Amino acid sequence: MDDEKPITEQAMETITSAVEATKEAAVTAVQKVKKAAKKVAKKVTPKKAAKKKAAKKSSKKAAKKSSKKAAKKPAKKATKKSAKKAAKKATRKAAKSKKKAKKAKR
């Protein structure tokens, strides 16, 4: 330290230089953190977007499947009903034809 300058002035200069150094260090630290955060964001956001897309796709697929199933159920029921009706009609016709044959024999 200089002997020519008063102690208070020397102390003020030392404090000022320390503050400036601290400020610069803080600024560089903030810049580094921002840079790192951007890198992380770049890595994370595509994954999030992909997950959202996949979720949308799966929900669409599920909706499609359920609608298909819903459409199939009435169709299946209708075919079963028609088959039952046809079977009933066939048995009734067979019974009628038997009765007619019996009557014809008399």
C-alpha atoms as a PDB file:
ATOM      1  CA  MET A   1       0.000   0.000   0.000  1.00  0.00           C
ATOM      2  CA  ASP A   2       1.087   3.510  -0.655  1.00  0.00           C
ATOM      3  CA  ASP A   3       2.275   5.629   2.246  1.00  0.00           C
ATOM      4  CA  GLU A   4       1.356   8.825   0.388  1.00  0.00           C
ATOM      5  CA  LYS A   5      -2.393   8.121   0.337  1.00  0.00           C
ATOM      6  CA  PRO A   6      -4.469   8.283   3.488  1.00  0.00           C
ATOM      7  CA  ILE A   7      -5.520   4.961   5.015  1.00  0.00           C
ATOM      8  CA  THR A   8      -9.216   5.607   4.419  1.00  0.00           C
ATOM      9  CA  GLU A   9      -8.666   6.182   0.715  1.00  0.00           C
ATOM     10  CA  GLN A  10      -6.567   3.020   0.452  1.00  0.00           C
ATOM     11  CA  ALA A  11      -9.280   1.079   2.264  1.00  0.00           C
ATOM     12  CA  MET A  12     -11.973   2.484  -0.054  1.00  0.00           C
ATOM     13  CA  GLU A  13      -9.963   1.491  -3.134  1.00  0.00           C
ATOM     14  CA  THR A  14      -9.470  -2.012  -1.795  1.00  0.00           C
ATOM     15  CA  ILE A  15     -13.189  -2.374  -1.021  1.00  0.00           C
ATOM     16  CA  THR A  16     -14.153  -0.981  -4.437  1.00  0.00           C
ATOM     17  CA  SER A  17     -11.879  -3.373  -6.276  1.00  0.00           C
ATOM     18  CA  ALA A  18     -13.217  -6.287  -4.191  1.00  0.00           C
ATOM     19  CA  VAL A  19     -16.807  -5.283  -4.979  1.00  0.00           C
ATOM     20  CA  GLU A  20     -16.044  -5.036  -8.690  1.00  0.00           C
ATOM     21  CA  ALA A  21     -14.358  -8.434  -8.683  1.00  0.00           C
ATOM     22  CA  THR A  22     -17.324  -9.946  -6.848  1.00  0.00           C
ATOM     23  CA  LYS A  23     -19.747  -8.323  -9.281  1.00  0.00           C
ATOM     24  CA  GLU A  24     -17.858  -9.706 -12.281  1.00  0.00           C
ATOM     25  CA  ALA A  25     -17.738 -13.151 -10.716  1.00  0.00           C
ATOM     26  CA  ALA A  26     -21.482 -13.013 -10.063  1.00  0.00           C
ATOM     27  CA  VAL A  27     -22.192 -11.938 -13.640  1.00  0.00           C
ATOM     28  CA  THR A  28     -20.075 -14.741 -15.107  1.00  0.00           C
ATOM     29  CA  ALA A  29     -21.709 -17.243 -12.746  1.00  0.00           C
ATOM     30  CA  VAL A  30     -25.172 -16.111 -13.849  1.00  0.00           C
ATOM     31  CA  GLN A  31     -24.170 -16.395 -17.495  1.00  0.00           C
ATOM     32  CA  LYS A  32     -22.849 -19.922 -16.956  1.00  0.00           C
ATOM     33  CA  VAL A  33     -26.017 -20.943 -15.129  1.00  0.00           C
ATOM     34  CA  LYS A  34     -28.191 -19.523 -17.921  1.00  0.00           C
ATOM     35  CA  LYS A  35     -26.152 -21.363 -20.527  1.00  0.00           C
ATOM     36  CA  ALA A  36     -26.425 -24.632 -18.605  1.00  0.00           C
ATOM     37  CA  ALA A  37     -30.172 -24.122 -18.141  1.00  0.00           C
ATOM     38  CA  LYS A  38     -30.604 -23.602 -21.880  1.00  0.00           C
ATOM     39  CA  LYS A  39     -28.710 -26.821 -22.594  1.00  0.00           C
ATOM     40  CA  VAL A  40     -30.881 -28.739 -20.172  1.00  0.00           C
ATOM     41  CA  ALA A  41     -34.019 -27.173 -21.615  1.00  0.00           C
ATOM     42  CA  LYS A  42     -32.973 -28.215 -25.103  1.00  0.00           C
ATOM     43  CA  LYS A  43     -32.521 -31.781 -23.937  1.00  0.00           C
ATOM     44  CA  VAL A  44     -35.704 -31.942 -21.872  1.00  0.00           C
ATOM     45  CA  THR A  45     -38.242 -30.180 -24.117  1.00  0.00           C
ATOM     46  CA  PRO A  46     -38.077 -32.629 -27.025  1.00  0.00           C
ATOM     47  CA  LYS A  47     -38.729 -35.474 -24.598  1.00  0.00           C
ATOM     48  CA  LYS A  48     -41.730 -33.647 -23.166  1.00  0.00           C
ATOM     49  CA  ALA A  49     -43.060 -32.962 -26.644  1.00  0.00           C
ATOM     50  CA  ALA A  50     -42.552 -36.587 -27.612  1.00  0.00           C
ATOM     51  CA  LYS A  51     -44.367 -37.737 -24.479  1.00  0.00           C
ATOM     52  CA  LYS A  52     -47.270 -35.421 -25.243  1.00  0.00           C
ATOM     53  CA  LYS A  53     -47.406 -36.705 -28.816  1.00  0.00           C
ATOM     54  CA  ALA A  54     -47.303 -40.297 -27.625  1.00  0.00           C
ATOM     55  CA  ALA A  55     -50.040 -39.593 -25.106  1.00  0.00           C
ATOM     56  CA  LYS A  56     -52.168 -37.999 -27.803  1.00  0.00           C
ATOM     57  CA  LYS A  57     -51.581 -40.948 -30.123  1.00  0.00           C
ATOM     58  CA  SER A  58     -52.412 -43.503 -27.464  1.00  0.00           C
ATOM     59  CA  SER A  59     -55.572 -41.648 -26.477  1.00  0.00           C
ATOM     60  CA  LYS A  60     -56.609 -41.472 -30.127  1.00  0.00           C
ATOM     61  CA  LYS A  61     -55.899 -45.191 -30.524  1.00  0.00           C
ATOM     62  CA  ALA A  62     -57.874 -45.976 -27.396  1.00  0.00           C
ATOM     63  CA  ALA A  63     -60.783 -43.903 -28.645  1.00  0.00           C
ATOM     64  CA  LYS A  64     -60.634 -45.652 -32.000  1.00  0.00           C
ATOM     65  CA  LYS A  65     -60.553 -49.084 -30.368  1.00  0.00           C
ATOM     66  CA  SER A  66     -63.448 -48.305 -28.073  1.00  0.00           C
ATOM     67  CA  SER A  67     -65.515 -46.950 -30.951  1.00  0.00           C
ATOM     68  CA  LYS A  68     -64.725 -50.063 -32.981  1.00  0.00           C
ATOM     69  CA  LYS A  69     -65.713 -52.276 -30.067  1.00  0.00           C
ATOM     70  CA  ALA A  70     -68.871 -50.268 -29.572  1.00  0.00           C
ATOM     71  CA  ALA A  71     -69.718 -50.714 -33.237  1.00  0.00           C
ATOM     72  CA  LYS A  72     -68.938 -54.431 -33.122  1.00  0.00           C
ATOM     73  CA  LYS A  73     -71.183 -55.157 -30.123  1.00  0.00           C
ATOM     74  CA  PRO A  74     -74.479 -54.206 -31.751  1.00  0.00           C
ATOM     75  CA  ALA A  75     -73.430 -55.975 -34.936  1.00  0.00           C
ATOM     76  CA  LYS A  76     -72.640 -59.141 -32.981  1.00  0.00           C
ATOM     77  CA  LYS A  77     -75.930 -58.900 -31.095  1.00  0.00           C
ATOM     78  CA  ALA A  78     -77.841 -58.388 -34.314  1.00  0.00           C
ATOM     79  CA  THR A  79     -76.242 -61.431 -35.945  1.00  0.00           C
ATOM     80  CA  LYS A  80     -76.929 -63.528 -32.856  1.00  0.00           C
ATOM     81  CA  LYS A  81     -80.546 -62.382 -32.789  1.00  0.00           C
ATOM     82  CA  SER A  82     -81.056 -63.088 -36.457  1.00  0.00           C
ATOM     83  CA  ALA A  83     -79.456 -66.512 -36.067  1.00  0.00           C
ATOM     84  CA  LYS A  84     -81.745 -67.286 -33.129  1.00  0.00           C
ATOM     85  CA  LYS A  85     -84.783 -66.127 -35.056  1.00  0.00           C
ATOM     86  CA  ALA A  86     -83.799 -68.201 -38.047  1.00  0.00           C
ATOM     87  CA  ALA A  87     -83.316 -71.251 -35.831  1.00  0.00           C
ATOM     88  CA  LYS A  88     -86.734 -70.713 -34.214  1.00  0.00           C
ATOM     89  CA  LYS A  89     -88.383 -70.318 -37.592  1.00  0.00           C
ATOM     90  CA  ALA A  90     -86.728 -73.469 -38.865  1.00  0.00           C
ATOM     91  CA  THR A  91     -87.934 -75.483 -35.862  1.00  0.00           C
ATOM     92  CA  ARG A  92     -91.446 -74.067 -36.227  1.00  0.00           C
ATOM     93  CA  LYS A  93     -91.486 -74.907 -39.930  1.00  0.00           C
ATOM     94  CA  ALA A  94     -90.257 -78.409 -39.186  1.00  0.00           C
ATOM     95  CA  ALA A  95     -92.979 -78.854 -36.568  1.00  0.00           C
ATOM     96  CA  LYS A  96     -95.637 -77.522 -38.951  1.00  0.00           C
ATOM     97  CA  SER A  97     -94.490 -79.789 -41.758  1.00  0.00           C
ATOM     98  CA  LYS A  98     -94.602 -82.778 -39.372  1.00  0.00           C
ATOM     99  CA  LYS A  99     -98.168 -81.879 -38.378  1.00  0.00           C
ATOM    100  CA  LYS A 100     -99.142 -81.547 -42.021  1.00  0.00           C
ATOM    101  CA  ALA A 101     -97.597 -84.899 -42.801  1.00  0.00           C
ATOM    102  CA  LYS A 102     -99.489 -86.518 -39.922  1.00  0.00           C
ATOM    103  CA  LYS A 103    -102.744 -84.968 -41.121  1.00  0.00           C
ATOM    104  CA  ALA A 104    -102.096 -86.131 -44.623  1.00  0.00           C
ATOM    105  CA  LYS A 105    -101.620 -89.722 -43.409  1.00  0.00           C
ATOM    106  CA  ARG A 106    -105.035 -89.735 -41.719  1.00  0.00           C
END
